[in-house]
Amino acid sequence: MGHHEVLVLEVDPIRELITVLLPDDVKVSVNPGELFTTKPEEEKPRRSYKRRRVEEPSSAFYQDKPRALEEKPASVEDKLEDTCTDMNFDFSVFVLNHGAVLKVGSICFIDSCSSPFIISRIFKSSLGGSAFVSGVRCHCEGGKIISVVHNFQVTVDCSFVRPCSTEFCLSSVASEVCNFVFHGQTFVFLSQERNFGNVPYLRELRRHALGAQMRQAVSSGISLHATRPSQPISLGTFEPFHDMTIFGLSEKNKFKIPFSLGSGYSLLDNLMGKGWDVKSLRRDVADCHFKFVTLLTVYLDKKNLTLKFSFSYSEAPFPFGPDYREKCKALALGCK
């Protein structure tokens, strides 16, 4: 009808109609709602006012939002992400071929340096290349580390690194060592996140973790008088995707693989490094006899779905030497 003032002539509540008289003297019956839907003079200011109120905070919000992001302090992860833009592959533990185990937060020596270092990072620039170790120099007195020299840091090829064979007291720098460990784990986390689909890298991470754990368990499990540990060693939750490939476990062998001195330890050597299978009875005595592993079995604990291994060992009646494997193999065969 347009916007007009009309005169109400009749109201029919049953049919819900109102008869009105238009300015041109025409009678029209309309619904009550039609008389209230348009009041431009009253509605426009209200809609315009609401629109201004919505636009003003919205504009301020979007103007302030970038400033808020710029003023947000960077987290530790953000800082580490900035330092990891070189796309290195990080490790928290690394087993070297000659058997040394490097761990972030552990003490080591670097060739041509007399002072010990705390390992702050272990990484590779490429999976096929060698590992590099970053370390922070320590100041020590009488077998006790007094402080960490933060402005003396080095990064070298792992071939120049030697794990510390003597125990150092770390009580004075315990919190700083913990920080190195935490930062190292964050480096690994960011590296894993960047390489989420990189199976060779993720498998190598698992391989070094298993190798270090198994090597330590074998060393501590060989005792002076027994021939085997009292119980199997657990390696944690079984990870089929990596563990089946690393050890060759499958349905065909019922998820159980024995490694014997007679059949060879090449797979275990690659996993744990050289010398994992021997332990001297007296390290303080030259040419002392030693014990050697005769059988090691890796298997799946079907009840708990954990990866475990057990091993047995024997004593060699001769001093340790570079040809100990051949002598031990002949000794084992002669005892059968």
C-alpha atoms as a PDB file:
ATOM      1  CA  MET A   1       0.000   0.000   0.000  1.00  0.00           C
ATOM      2  CA  GLY A   2       2.944   2.299   0.424  1.00  0.00           C
ATOM      3  CA  HIS A   3       3.519   4.534   3.419  1.00  0.00           C
ATOM      4  CA  HIS A   4       0.242   6.364   4.158  1.00  0.00           C
ATOM      5  CA  GLU A   5      -1.757   7.373   7.163  1.00  0.00           C
ATOM      6  CA  VAL A   6      -5.110   5.582   7.017  1.00  0.00           C
ATOM      7  CA  LEU A   7      -8.394   5.791   8.898  1.00  0.00           C
ATOM      8  CA  VAL A   8      -9.577   2.574  10.575  1.00  0.00           C
ATOM      9  CA  LEU A   9     -13.240   1.937   9.730  1.00  0.00           C
ATOM     10  CA  GLU A  10     -13.927  -1.584  11.018  1.00  0.00           C
ATOM     11  CA  VAL A  11     -12.172  -4.347  12.976  1.00  0.00           C
ATOM     12  CA  ASP A  12     -13.184  -7.986  12.387  1.00  0.00           C
ATOM     13  CA  PRO A  13     -11.553 -10.067  15.202  1.00  0.00           C
ATOM     14  CA  ILE A  14     -12.919 -13.370  13.876  1.00  0.00           C
ATOM     15  CA  ARG A  15     -11.398 -13.066  10.423  1.00  0.00           C
ATOM     16  CA  GLU A  16      -8.570 -10.971  11.802  1.00  0.00           C
ATOM     17  CA  LEU A  17      -9.120  -8.202   9.251  1.00  0.00           C
ATOM     18  CA  ILE A  18      -9.132  -4.451   9.594  1.00  0.00           C
ATOM     19  CA  THR A  19     -11.009  -2.225   7.116  1.00  0.00           C
ATOM     20  CA  VAL A  20      -9.261   1.073   6.512  1.00  0.00           C
ATOM     21  CA  LEU A  21      -9.891   4.128   4.349  1.00  0.00           C
ATOM     22  CA  LEU A  22      -7.032   5.232   2.148  1.00  0.00           C
ATOM     23  CA  PRO A  23      -6.348   8.902   1.379  1.00  0.00           C
ATOM     24  CA  ASP A  24      -7.988   8.497  -2.053  1.00  0.00           C
ATOM     25  CA  ASP A  25     -11.247   7.314  -0.358  1.00  0.00           C
ATOM     26  CA  VAL A  26     -10.692   3.659  -1.218  1.00  0.00           C
ATOM     27  CA  LYS A  27     -11.671   1.059   1.409  1.00  0.00           C
ATOM     28  CA  VAL A  28      -9.240  -1.831   1.888  1.00  0.00           C
ATOM     29  CA  SER A  29      -9.274  -4.845   4.285  1.00  0.00           C
ATOM     30  CA  VAL A  30      -5.812  -5.770   5.528  1.00  0.00           C
ATOM     31  CA  ASN A  31      -4.158  -7.979   8.134  1.00  0.00           C
ATOM     32  CA  PRO A  32      -3.216  -6.262  11.375  1.00  0.00           C
ATOM     33  CA  GLY A  33       0.436  -6.997  10.745  1.00  0.00           C
ATOM     34  CA  GLU A  34       0.436  -4.892   7.578  1.00  0.00           C
ATOM     35  CA  LEU A  35      -0.273  -1.787   9.581  1.00  0.00           C
ATOM     36  CA  PHE A  36       2.789  -2.207  11.764  1.00  0.00           C
ATOM     37  CA  THR A  37       5.484  -3.491   9.414  1.00  0.00           C
ATOM     38  CA  THR A  38       6.583  -0.135   8.026  1.00  0.00           C
ATOM     39  CA  LYS A  39       7.266   2.902  10.107  1.00  0.00           C
ATOM     40  CA  PRO A  40      10.266   4.366   8.343  1.00  0.00           C
ATOM     41  CA  GLU A  41      10.538   7.464  10.445  1.00  0.00           C
ATOM     42  CA  GLU A  42      10.826   5.406  13.677  1.00  0.00           C
ATOM     43  CA  GLU A  43      12.669   2.288  12.452  1.00  0.00           C
ATOM     44  CA  LYS A  44      15.462   3.880  10.423  1.00  0.00           C
ATOM     45  CA  PRO A  45      17.168   5.648  13.305  1.00  0.00           C
ATOM     46  CA  ARG A  46      17.025   2.470  15.382  1.00  0.00           C
ATOM     47  CA  ARG A  47      18.550   0.278  12.677  1.00  0.00           C
ATOM     48  CA  SER A  48      21.155   2.878  11.866  1.00  0.00           C
ATOM     49  CA  TYR A  49      22.062   3.214  15.528  1.00  0.00           C
ATOM     50  CA  LYS A  50      22.446  -0.535  15.941  1.00  0.00           C
ATOM     51  CA  ARG A  51      24.557  -0.759  12.840  1.00  0.00           C
ATOM     52  CA  ARG A  52      26.930   1.911  14.099  1.00  0.00           C
ATOM     53  CA  ARG A  53      27.312   0.132  17.451  1.00  0.00           C
ATOM     54  CA  VAL A  54      28.169  -3.151  15.739  1.00  0.00           C
ATOM     55  CA  GLU A  55      30.604  -1.589  13.294  1.00  0.00           C
ATOM     56  CA  GLU A  56      32.580   0.395  15.848  1.00  0.00           C
ATOM     57  CA  PRO A  57      33.655  -2.504  18.141  1.00  0.00           C
ATOM     58  CA  SER A  58      34.177  -4.753  15.119  1.00  0.00           C
ATOM     59  CA  SER A  59      36.546  -2.250  13.560  1.00  0.00           C
ATOM     60  CA  ALA A  60      38.430  -1.771  16.791  1.00  0.00           C
ATOM     61  CA  PHE A  61      38.696  -5.534  17.288  1.00  0.00           C
ATOM     62  CA  TYR A  62      40.297  -6.147  13.923  1.00  0.00           C
ATOM     63  CA  GLN A  63      42.610  -3.200  14.313  1.00  0.00           C
ATOM     64  CA  ASP A  64      43.771  -4.343  17.731  1.00  0.00           C
ATOM     65  CA  LYS A  65      44.155  -8.007  16.865  1.00  0.00           C
ATOM     66  CA  PRO A  66      47.455  -7.701  14.931  1.00  0.00           C
ATOM     67  CA  ARG A  67      48.913  -5.553  17.684  1.00  0.00           C
ATOM     68  CA  ALA A  68      47.990  -8.188  20.263  1.00  0.00           C
ATOM     69  CA  LEU A  69      49.764 -10.866  18.258  1.00  0.00           C
ATOM     70  CA  GLU A  70      52.852  -8.724  17.866  1.00  0.00           C
ATOM     71  CA  GLU A  71      53.033  -8.042  21.583  1.00  0.00           C
ATOM     72  CA  LYS A  72      52.652 -11.728  22.562  1.00  0.00           C
ATOM     73  CA  PRO A  73      55.937 -13.013  24.033  1.00  0.00           C
ATOM     74  CA  ALA A  74      57.542 -15.865  22.116  1.00  0.00           C
ATOM     75  CA  SER A  75      57.318 -19.263  23.779  1.00  0.00           C
ATOM     76  CA  VAL A  76      60.221 -21.696  24.110  1.00  0.00           C
ATOM     77  CA  GLU A  77      58.783 -23.733  21.255  1.00  0.00           C
ATOM     78  CA  ASP A  78      58.652 -20.623  19.033  1.00  0.00           C
ATOM     79  CA  LYS A  79      62.280 -19.831  19.778  1.00  0.00           C
ATOM     80  CA  LEU A  80      63.366 -23.405  19.107  1.00  0.00           C
ATOM     81  CA  GLU A  81      61.363 -23.459  15.905  1.00  0.00           C
ATOM     82  CA  ASP A  82      63.335 -20.447  14.732  1.00  0.00           C
ATOM     83  CA  THR A  83      66.596 -22.276  15.428  1.00  0.00           C
ATOM     84  CA  CYS A  84      65.408 -25.433  13.649  1.00  0.00           C
ATOM     85  CA  THR A  85      64.708 -23.827  10.284  1.00  0.00           C
ATOM     86  CA  ASP A  86      67.736 -25.663   8.877  1.00  0.00           C
ATOM     87  CA  MET A  87      65.606 -28.828   8.799  1.00  0.00           C
ATOM     88  CA  ASN A  88      68.022 -30.987  10.788  1.00  0.00           C
ATOM     89  CA  PHE A  89      67.065 -34.406  12.146  1.00  0.00           C
ATOM     90  CA  ASP A  90      67.314 -34.354  15.946  1.00  0.00           C
ATOM     91  CA  PHE A  91      67.920 -37.202  18.394  1.00  0.00           C
ATOM     92  CA  SER A  92      67.815 -37.345  22.172  1.00  0.00           C
ATOM     93  CA  VAL A  93      69.956 -40.510  22.283  1.00  0.00           C
ATOM     94  CA  PHE A  94      72.384 -41.848  19.684  1.00  0.00           C
ATOM     95  CA  VAL A  95      74.354 -45.110  19.560  1.00  0.00           C
ATOM     96  CA  LEU A  96      77.681 -44.867  17.727  1.00  0.00           C
ATOM     97  CA  ASN A  97      79.047 -47.777  15.700  1.00  0.00           C
ATOM     98  CA  HIS A  98      81.887 -48.428  18.136  1.00  0.00           C
ATOM     99  CA  GLY A  99      79.368 -48.763  20.983  1.00  0.00           C
ATOM    100  CA  ALA A 100      79.433 -45.346  22.682  1.00  0.00           C
ATOM    101  CA  VAL A 101      76.006 -44.033  23.656  1.00  0.00           C
ATOM    102  CA  LEU A 102      75.437 -40.277  23.504  1.00  0.00           C
ATOM    103  CA  LYS A 103      72.522 -38.668  25.328  1.00  0.00           C
ATOM    104  CA  VAL A 104      71.355 -35.094  25.595  1.00  0.00           C
ATOM    105  CA  GLY A 105      72.237 -33.887  29.088  1.00  0.00           C
ATOM    106  CA  SER A 106      75.129 -36.347  29.567  1.00  0.00           C
ATOM    107  CA  ILE A 107      78.798 -35.494  30.087  1.00  0.00           C
ATOM    108  CA  CYS A 108      81.330 -36.037  27.321  1.00  0.00           C
ATOM    109  CA  PHE A 109      84.833 -35.057  26.266  1.00  0.00           C
ATOM    110  CA  ILE A 110      85.740 -33.529  22.918  1.00  0.00           C
ATOM    111  CA  ASP A 111      89.109 -34.160  21.295  1.00  0.00           C
ATOM    112  CA  SER A 112      91.718 -31.447  21.985  1.00  0.00           C
ATOM    113  CA  CYS A 113      89.650 -30.074  24.898  1.00  0.00           C
ATOM    114  CA  SER A 114      90.588 -30.956  28.466  1.00  0.00           C
ATOM    115  CA  SER A 115      87.367 -29.741  30.071  1.00  0.00           C
ATOM    116  CA  PRO A 116      84.156 -31.804  29.961  1.00  0.00           C
ATOM    117  CA  PHE A 117      81.074 -30.718  28.039  1.00  0.00           C
ATOM    118  CA  ILE A 118      77.350 -31.215  28.578  1.00  0.00           C
ATOM    119  CA  ILE A 119      75.646 -32.448  25.410  1.00  0.00           C
ATOM    120  CA  SER A 120      72.919 -29.966  24.491  1.00  0.00           C
ATOM    121  CA  ARG A 121      71.900 -31.340  21.107  1.00  0.00           C
ATOM    122  CA  ILE A 122      72.429 -34.324  18.783  1.00  0.00           C
ATOM    123  CA  PHE A 123      71.420 -33.971  15.149  1.00  0.00           C
ATOM    124  CA  LYS A 124      72.024 -34.942  11.545  1.00  0.00           C
ATOM    125  CA  SER A 125      71.886 -32.641   8.548  1.00  0.00           C
ATOM    126  CA  SER A 126      70.958 -35.647   6.398  1.00  0.00           C
ATOM    127  CA  LEU A 127      69.895 -39.160   7.350  1.00  0.00           C
ATOM    128  CA  GLY A 128      72.715 -40.703   5.347  1.00  0.00           C
ATOM    129  CA  GLY A 129      75.350 -38.484   6.941  1.00  0.00           C
ATOM    130  CA  SER A 130      77.120 -38.580  10.291  1.00  0.00           C
ATOM    131  CA  ALA A 131      75.728 -37.150  13.496  1.00  0.00           C
ATOM    132  CA  PHE A 132      76.816 -33.864  15.034  1.00  0.00           C
ATOM    133  CA  VAL A 133      76.967 -33.037  18.714  1.00  0.00           C
ATOM    134  CA  SER A 134      76.563 -29.603  20.289  1.00  0.00           C
ATOM    135  CA  GLY A 135      77.993 -29.151  23.763  1.00  0.00           C
ATOM    136  CA  VAL A 136      78.446 -26.504  26.437  1.00  0.00           C
ATOM    137  CA  ARG A 137      81.723 -26.364  28.322  1.00  0.00           C
ATOM    138  CA  CYS A 138      81.781 -27.082  32.053  1.00  0.00           C
ATOM    139  CA  HIS A 139      84.019 -25.728  34.768  1.00  0.00           C
ATOM    140  CA  CYS A 140      84.931 -28.495  37.208  1.00  0.00           C
ATOM    141  CA  GLU A 141      87.031 -28.929  40.310  1.00  0.00           C
ATOM    142  CA  GLY A 142      88.030 -32.266  41.779  1.00  0.00           C
ATOM    143  CA  GLY A 143      85.459 -34.399  39.997  1.00  0.00           C
ATOM    144  CA  LYS A 144      82.642 -31.915  40.620  1.00  0.00           C
ATOM    145  CA  ILE A 145      81.158 -29.641  37.973  1.00  0.00           C
ATOM    146  CA  ILE A 146      80.918 -26.153  39.491  1.00  0.00           C
ATOM    147  CA  SER A 147      79.313 -24.199  36.657  1.00  0.00           C
ATOM    148  CA  VAL A 148      78.377 -24.192  32.983  1.00  0.00           C
ATOM    149  CA  VAL A 149      80.187 -21.780  30.657  1.00  0.00           C
ATOM    150  CA  HIS A 150      77.268 -20.765  28.434  1.00  0.00           C
ATOM    151  CA  ASN A 151      79.378 -18.580  26.147  1.00  0.00           C
ATOM    152  CA  PHE A 152      81.653 -21.528  25.280  1.00  0.00           C
ATOM    153  CA  GLN A 153      79.672 -23.834  22.985  1.00  0.00           C
ATOM    154  CA  VAL A 154      80.909 -26.124  20.237  1.00  0.00           C
ATOM    155  CA  THR A 155      79.376 -28.275  17.509  1.00  0.00           C
ATOM    156  CA  VAL A 156      81.511 -31.140  16.199  1.00  0.00           C
ATOM    157  CA  ASP A 157      81.213 -34.391  14.302  1.00  0.00           C
ATOM    158  CA  CYS A 158      80.353 -37.270  16.619  1.00  0.00           C
ATOM    159  CA  SER A 159      83.672 -38.947  15.785  1.00  0.00           C
ATOM    160  CA  PHE A 160      85.408 -36.314  17.948  1.00  0.00           C
ATOM    161  CA  VAL A 161      83.184 -37.016  20.975  1.00  0.00           C
ATOM    162  CA  ARG A 162      84.003 -39.449  23.777  1.00  0.00           C
ATOM    163  CA  PRO A 163      81.462 -40.274  26.489  1.00  0.00           C
ATOM    164  CA  CYS A 164      82.759 -39.616  29.962  1.00  0.00           C
ATOM    165  CA  SER A 165      84.043 -42.802  31.613  1.00  0.00           C
ATOM    166  CA  THR A 166      84.248 -41.250  35.097  1.00  0.00           C
ATOM    167  CA  GLU A 167      81.384 -40.025  37.211  1.00  0.00           C
ATOM    168  CA  PHE A 168      81.068 -36.269  37.731  1.00  0.00           C
ATOM    169  CA  CYS A 169      78.994 -34.719  40.513  1.00  0.00           C
ATOM    170  CA  LEU A 170      76.314 -32.555  38.874  1.00  0.00           C
ATOM    171  CA  SER A 171      74.518 -31.300  41.981  1.00  0.00           C
ATOM    172  CA  SER A 172      75.678 -27.704  41.452  1.00  0.00           C
ATOM    173  CA  VAL A 173      74.296 -27.566  37.901  1.00  0.00           C
ATOM    174  CA  ALA A 174      71.387 -30.008  38.202  1.00  0.00           C
ATOM    175  CA  SER A 175      68.754 -27.489  37.109  1.00  0.00           C
ATOM    176  CA  GLU A 176      70.793 -26.432  34.068  1.00  0.00           C
ATOM    177  CA  VAL A 177      71.297 -30.068  33.038  1.00  0.00           C
ATOM    178  CA  CYS A 178      67.529 -30.571  33.285  1.00  0.00           C
ATOM    179  CA  ASN A 179      67.004 -27.568  31.023  1.00  0.00           C
ATOM    180  CA  PHE A 180      69.347 -29.082  28.424  1.00  0.00           C
ATOM    181  CA  VAL A 181      67.347 -32.326  28.548  1.00  0.00           C
ATOM    182  CA  PHE A 182      64.034 -30.475  28.215  1.00  0.00           C
ATOM    183  CA  HIS A 183      65.296 -28.372  25.306  1.00  0.00           C
ATOM    184  CA  GLY A 184      66.672 -31.509  23.642  1.00  0.00           C
ATOM    185  CA  GLN A 185      63.292 -33.222  23.853  1.00  0.00           C
ATOM    186  CA  THR A 186      61.632 -30.144  22.364  1.00  0.00           C
ATOM    187  CA  PHE A 187      64.135 -30.182  19.489  1.00  0.00           C
ATOM    188  CA  VAL A 188      63.184 -33.826  18.820  1.00  0.00           C
ATOM    189  CA  PHE A 189      59.475 -32.997  19.042  1.00  0.00           C
ATOM    190  CA  LEU A 190      59.781 -30.214  16.471  1.00  0.00           C
ATOM    191  CA  SER A 191      61.891 -32.441  14.237  1.00  0.00           C
ATOM    192  CA  GLN A 192      59.304 -35.224  14.424  1.00  0.00           C
ATOM    193  CA  GLU A 193      56.537 -32.738  13.693  1.00  0.00           C
ATOM    194  CA  ARG A 194      58.334 -31.479  10.586  1.00  0.00           C
ATOM    195  CA  ASN A 195      59.039 -35.060   9.463  1.00  0.00           C
ATOM    196  CA  PHE A 196      55.711 -36.603  10.392  1.00  0.00           C
ATOM    197  CA  GLY A 197      55.652 -38.767   7.255  1.00  0.00           C
ATOM    198  CA  ASN A 198      59.393 -39.430   7.074  1.00  0.00           C
ATOM    199  CA  VAL A 199      59.480 -43.139   7.948  1.00  0.00           C
ATOM    200  CA  PRO A 200      63.298 -43.599   7.712  1.00  0.00           C
ATOM    201  CA  TYR A 201      63.884 -40.812  10.248  1.00  0.00           C
ATOM    202  CA  LEU A 202      61.187 -41.982  12.672  1.00  0.00           C
ATOM    203  CA  ARG A 203      62.480 -45.549  12.425  1.00  0.00           C
ATOM    204  CA  GLU A 204      66.040 -44.429  13.116  1.00  0.00           C
ATOM    205  CA  LEU A 205      64.795 -42.588  16.213  1.00  0.00           C
ATOM    206  CA  ARG A 206      63.214 -45.811  17.444  1.00  0.00           C
ATOM    207  CA  ARG A 207      66.299 -47.859  16.543  1.00  0.00           C
ATOM    208  CA  HIS A 208      68.681 -45.694  18.551  1.00  0.00           C
ATOM    209  CA  ALA A 209      66.304 -45.600  21.519  1.00  0.00           C
ATOM    210  CA  LEU A 210      66.025 -49.399  21.531  1.00  0.00           C
ATOM    211  CA  GLY A 211      69.761 -49.874  20.995  1.00  0.00           C
ATOM    212  CA  ALA A 212      70.722 -47.660  23.934  1.00  0.00           C
ATOM    213  CA  GLN A 213      68.164 -49.320  26.218  1.00  0.00           C
ATOM    214  CA  MET A 214      69.192 -52.850  25.257  1.00  0.00           C
ATOM    215  CA  ARG A 215      72.917 -52.150  25.574  1.00  0.00           C
ATOM    216  CA  GLN A 216      72.448 -50.766  29.079  1.00  0.00           C
ATOM    217  CA  ALA A 217      70.212 -53.694  30.065  1.00  0.00           C
ATOM    218  CA  VAL A 218      72.761 -56.296  28.862  1.00  0.00           C
ATOM    219  CA  SER A 219      75.614 -54.582  30.693  1.00  0.00           C
ATOM    220  CA  SER A 220      73.717 -54.320  33.970  1.00  0.00           C
ATOM    221  CA  GLY A 221      72.202 -57.804  33.541  1.00  0.00           C
ATOM    222  CA  ILE A 222      75.532 -59.655  33.383  1.00  0.00           C
ATOM    223  CA  SER A 223      76.538 -60.531  36.928  1.00  0.00           C
ATOM    224  CA  LEU A 224      79.582 -62.240  38.369  1.00  0.00           C
ATOM    225  CA  HIS A 225      78.005 -65.581  39.324  1.00  0.00           C
ATOM    226  CA  ALA A 226      74.780 -66.066  37.299  1.00  0.00           C
ATOM    227  CA  THR A 227      74.337 -67.182  33.694  1.00  0.00           C
ATOM    228  CA  ARG A 228      71.221 -65.192  32.835  1.00  0.00           C
ATOM    229  CA  PRO A 229      69.155 -62.295  34.295  1.00  0.00           C
ATOM    230  CA  SER A 230      66.475 -63.284  36.774  1.00  0.00           C
ATOM    231  CA  GLN A 231      63.719 -62.128  34.413  1.00  0.00           C
ATOM    232  CA  PRO A 232      63.260 -60.859  30.830  1.00  0.00           C
ATOM    233  CA  ILE A 233      63.864 -57.181  30.109  1.00  0.00           C
ATOM    234  CA  SER A 234      60.931 -55.080  28.923  1.00  0.00           C
ATOM    235  CA  LEU A 235      61.498 -52.526  26.169  1.00  0.00           C
ATOM    236  CA  GLY A 236      58.101 -50.900  26.573  1.00  0.00           C
ATOM    237  CA  THR A 237      54.998 -50.968  24.436  1.00  0.00           C
ATOM    238  CA  PHE A 238      55.378 -52.915  21.197  1.00  0.00           C
ATOM    239  CA  GLU A 239      55.347 -50.661  18.107  1.00  0.00           C
ATOM    240  CA  PRO A 240      54.513 -52.969  15.173  1.00  0.00           C
ATOM    241  CA  PHE A 241      55.278 -50.452  12.436  1.00  0.00           C
ATOM    242  CA  HIS A 242      58.913 -50.021  13.518  1.00  0.00           C
ATOM    243  CA  ASP A 243      59.741 -53.036  15.700  1.00  0.00           C
ATOM    244  CA  MET A 244      58.673 -55.680  13.180  1.00  0.00           C
ATOM    245  CA  THR A 245      60.997 -54.174  10.590  1.00  0.00           C
ATOM    246  CA  ILE A 246      63.914 -53.525  12.951  1.00  0.00           C
ATOM    247  CA  PHE A 247      64.021 -57.077  14.336  1.00  0.00           C
ATOM    248  CA  GLY A 248      62.305 -59.045  11.554  1.00  0.00           C
ATOM    249  CA  LEU A 249      59.375 -60.101  13.756  1.00  0.00           C
ATOM    250  CA  SER A 250      56.348 -61.573  11.956  1.00  0.00           C
ATOM    251  CA  GLU A 251      53.552 -64.126  12.192  1.00  0.00           C
ATOM    252  CA  LYS A 252      55.806 -66.596  10.419  1.00  0.00           C
ATOM    253  CA  ASN A 253      58.291 -66.674  13.320  1.00  0.00           C
ATOM    254  CA  LYS A 254      55.510 -66.156  15.908  1.00  0.00           C
ATOM    255  CA  PHE A 255      56.994 -62.787  16.817  1.00  0.00           C
ATOM    256  CA  LYS A 256      60.057 -64.355  18.371  1.00  0.00           C
ATOM    257  CA  ILE A 257      63.617 -64.075  17.028  1.00  0.00           C
ATOM    258  CA  PRO A 258      66.633 -65.797  18.647  1.00  0.00           C
ATOM    259  CA  PHE A 259      70.129 -64.423  17.969  1.00  0.00           C
ATOM    260  CA  SER A 260      72.975 -66.777  18.785  1.00  0.00           C
ATOM    261  CA  LEU A 261      76.733 -66.506  18.756  1.00  0.00           C
ATOM    262  CA  GLY A 262      76.851 -69.259  16.158  1.00  0.00           C
ATOM    263  CA  SER A 263      74.419 -67.607  13.714  1.00  0.00           C
ATOM    264  CA  GLY A 264      75.937 -64.155  14.139  1.00  0.00           C
ATOM    265  CA  TYR A 265      75.120 -60.869  15.812  1.00  0.00           C
ATOM    266  CA  SER A 266      75.288 -58.506  12.821  1.00  0.00           C
ATOM    267  CA  LEU A 267      71.781 -57.102  13.355  1.00  0.00           C
ATOM    268  CA  LEU A 268      72.405 -56.559  17.057  1.00  0.00           C
ATOM    269  CA  ASP A 269      75.816 -55.021  16.339  1.00  0.00           C
ATOM    270  CA  ASN A 270      74.138 -52.445  14.102  1.00  0.00           C
ATOM    271  CA  LEU A 271      71.556 -51.786  16.796  1.00  0.00           C
ATOM    272  CA  MET A 272      73.735 -51.616  19.928  1.00  0.00           C
ATOM    273  CA  GLY A 273      77.213 -50.956  18.550  1.00  0.00           C
ATOM    274  CA  LYS A 274      80.336 -53.068  18.929  1.00  0.00           C
ATOM    275  CA  GLY A 275      81.178 -54.739  22.212  1.00  0.00           C
ATOM    276  CA  TRP A 276      77.629 -54.912  23.546  1.00  0.00           C
ATOM    277  CA  ASP A 277      77.922 -58.660  24.224  1.00  0.00           C
ATOM    278  CA  VAL A 278      80.944 -58.644  26.564  1.00  0.00           C
ATOM    279  CA  LYS A 279      81.608 -57.462  30.097  1.00  0.00           C
ATOM    280  CA  SER A 280      84.897 -57.619  31.953  1.00  0.00           C
ATOM    281  CA  LEU A 281      84.786 -59.261  35.368  1.00  0.00           C
ATOM    282  CA  ARG A 282      87.308 -56.770  36.781  1.00  0.00           C
ATOM    283  CA  ARG A 283      87.835 -53.542  34.889  1.00  0.00           C
ATOM    284  CA  ASP A 284      90.626 -52.558  37.259  1.00  0.00           C
ATOM    285  CA  VAL A 285      92.627 -55.693  36.397  1.00  0.00           C
ATOM    286  CA  ALA A 286      94.505 -55.979  33.103  1.00  0.00           C
ATOM    287  CA  ASP A 287      93.959 -59.125  31.015  1.00  0.00           C
ATOM    288  CA  CYS A 288      91.035 -60.101  33.199  1.00  0.00           C
ATOM    289  CA  HIS A 289      88.558 -62.736  32.073  1.00  0.00           C
ATOM    290  CA  PHE A 290      85.176 -61.600  30.795  1.00  0.00           C
ATOM    291  CA  LYS A 291      81.647 -62.833  30.241  1.00  0.00           C
ATOM    292  CA  PHE A 292      80.015 -62.970  26.829  1.00  0.00           C
ATOM    293  CA  VAL A 293      76.437 -63.339  25.575  1.00  0.00           C
ATOM    294  CA  THR A 294      75.716 -66.717  24.014  1.00  0.00           C
ATOM    295  CA  LEU A 295      72.039 -66.228  23.103  1.00  0.00           C
ATOM    296  CA  LEU A 296      69.667 -63.275  22.947  1.00  0.00           C
ATOM    297  CA  THR A 297      65.967 -63.632  22.098  1.00  0.00           C
ATOM    298  CA  VAL A 298      63.651 -60.753  21.175  1.00  0.00           C
ATOM    299  CA  TYR A 299      59.925 -61.469  21.370  1.00  0.00           C
ATOM    300  CA  LEU A 300      56.456 -60.033  21.770  1.00  0.00           C
ATOM    301  CA  ASP A 301      54.822 -60.516  25.160  1.00  0.00           C
ATOM    302  CA  LYS A 302      51.397 -61.491  23.839  1.00  0.00           C
ATOM    303  CA  LYS A 303      49.639 -60.914  27.153  1.00  0.00           C
ATOM    304  CA  ASN A 304      50.824 -57.354  27.769  1.00  0.00           C
ATOM    305  CA  LEU A 305      51.694 -56.444  24.149  1.00  0.00           C
ATOM    306  CA  THR A 306      55.157 -55.299  25.185  1.00  0.00           C
ATOM    307  CA  LEU A 307      58.468 -55.884  23.444  1.00  0.00           C
ATOM    308  CA  LYS A 308      60.865 -57.953  25.571  1.00  0.00           C
ATOM    309  CA  PHE A 309      64.157 -59.747  25.312  1.00  0.00           C
ATOM    310  CA  SER A 310      66.058 -62.321  27.346  1.00  0.00           C
ATOM    311  CA  PHE A 311      69.648 -63.472  27.125  1.00  0.00           C
ATOM    312  CA  SER A 312      72.115 -65.949  28.541  1.00  0.00           C
ATOM    313  CA  TYR A 313      75.869 -65.618  28.952  1.00  0.00           C
ATOM    314  CA  SER A 314      78.985 -67.566  29.829  1.00  0.00           C
ATOM    315  CA  GLU A 315      82.501 -66.886  31.105  1.00  0.00           C
ATOM    316  CA  ALA A 316      85.559 -66.901  28.885  1.00  0.00           C
ATOM    317  CA  PRO A 317      88.712 -68.445  30.441  1.00  0.00           C
ATOM    318  CA  PHE A 318      91.004 -66.151  28.472  1.00  0.00           C
ATOM    319  CA  PRO A 319      91.653 -62.367  28.334  1.00  0.00           C
ATOM    320  CA  PHE A 320      89.609 -60.116  26.087  1.00  0.00           C
ATOM    321  CA  GLY A 321      91.040 -59.377  22.630  1.00  0.00           C
ATOM    322  CA  PRO A 322      89.922 -58.176  19.197  1.00  0.00           C
ATOM    323  CA  ASP A 323      89.271 -61.796  18.110  1.00  0.00           C
ATOM    324  CA  TYR A 324      87.125 -62.610  21.146  1.00  0.00           C
ATOM    325  CA  ARG A 325      84.106 -63.549  19.026  1.00  0.00           C
ATOM    326  CA  GLU A 326      85.874 -66.359  17.191  1.00  0.00           C
ATOM    327  CA  LYS A 327      87.367 -67.721  20.406  1.00  0.00           C
ATOM    328  CA  CYS A 328      84.024 -67.536  22.213  1.00  0.00           C
ATOM    329  CA  LYS A 329      82.270 -69.253  19.312  1.00  0.00           C
ATOM    330  CA  ALA A 330      84.802 -72.089  19.380  1.00  0.00           C
ATOM    331  CA  LEU A 331      84.421 -72.333  23.139  1.00  0.00           C
ATOM    332  CA  ALA A 332      80.612 -72.480  22.883  1.00  0.00           C
ATOM    333  CA  LEU A 333      80.733 -75.158  20.185  1.00  0.00           C
ATOM    334  CA  GLY A 334      83.235 -77.203  22.165  1.00  0.00           C
ATOM    335  CA  CYS A 335      80.969 -77.231  25.196  1.00  0.00           C
ATOM    336  CA  LYS A 336      78.105 -78.816  23.266  1.00  0.00           C
END
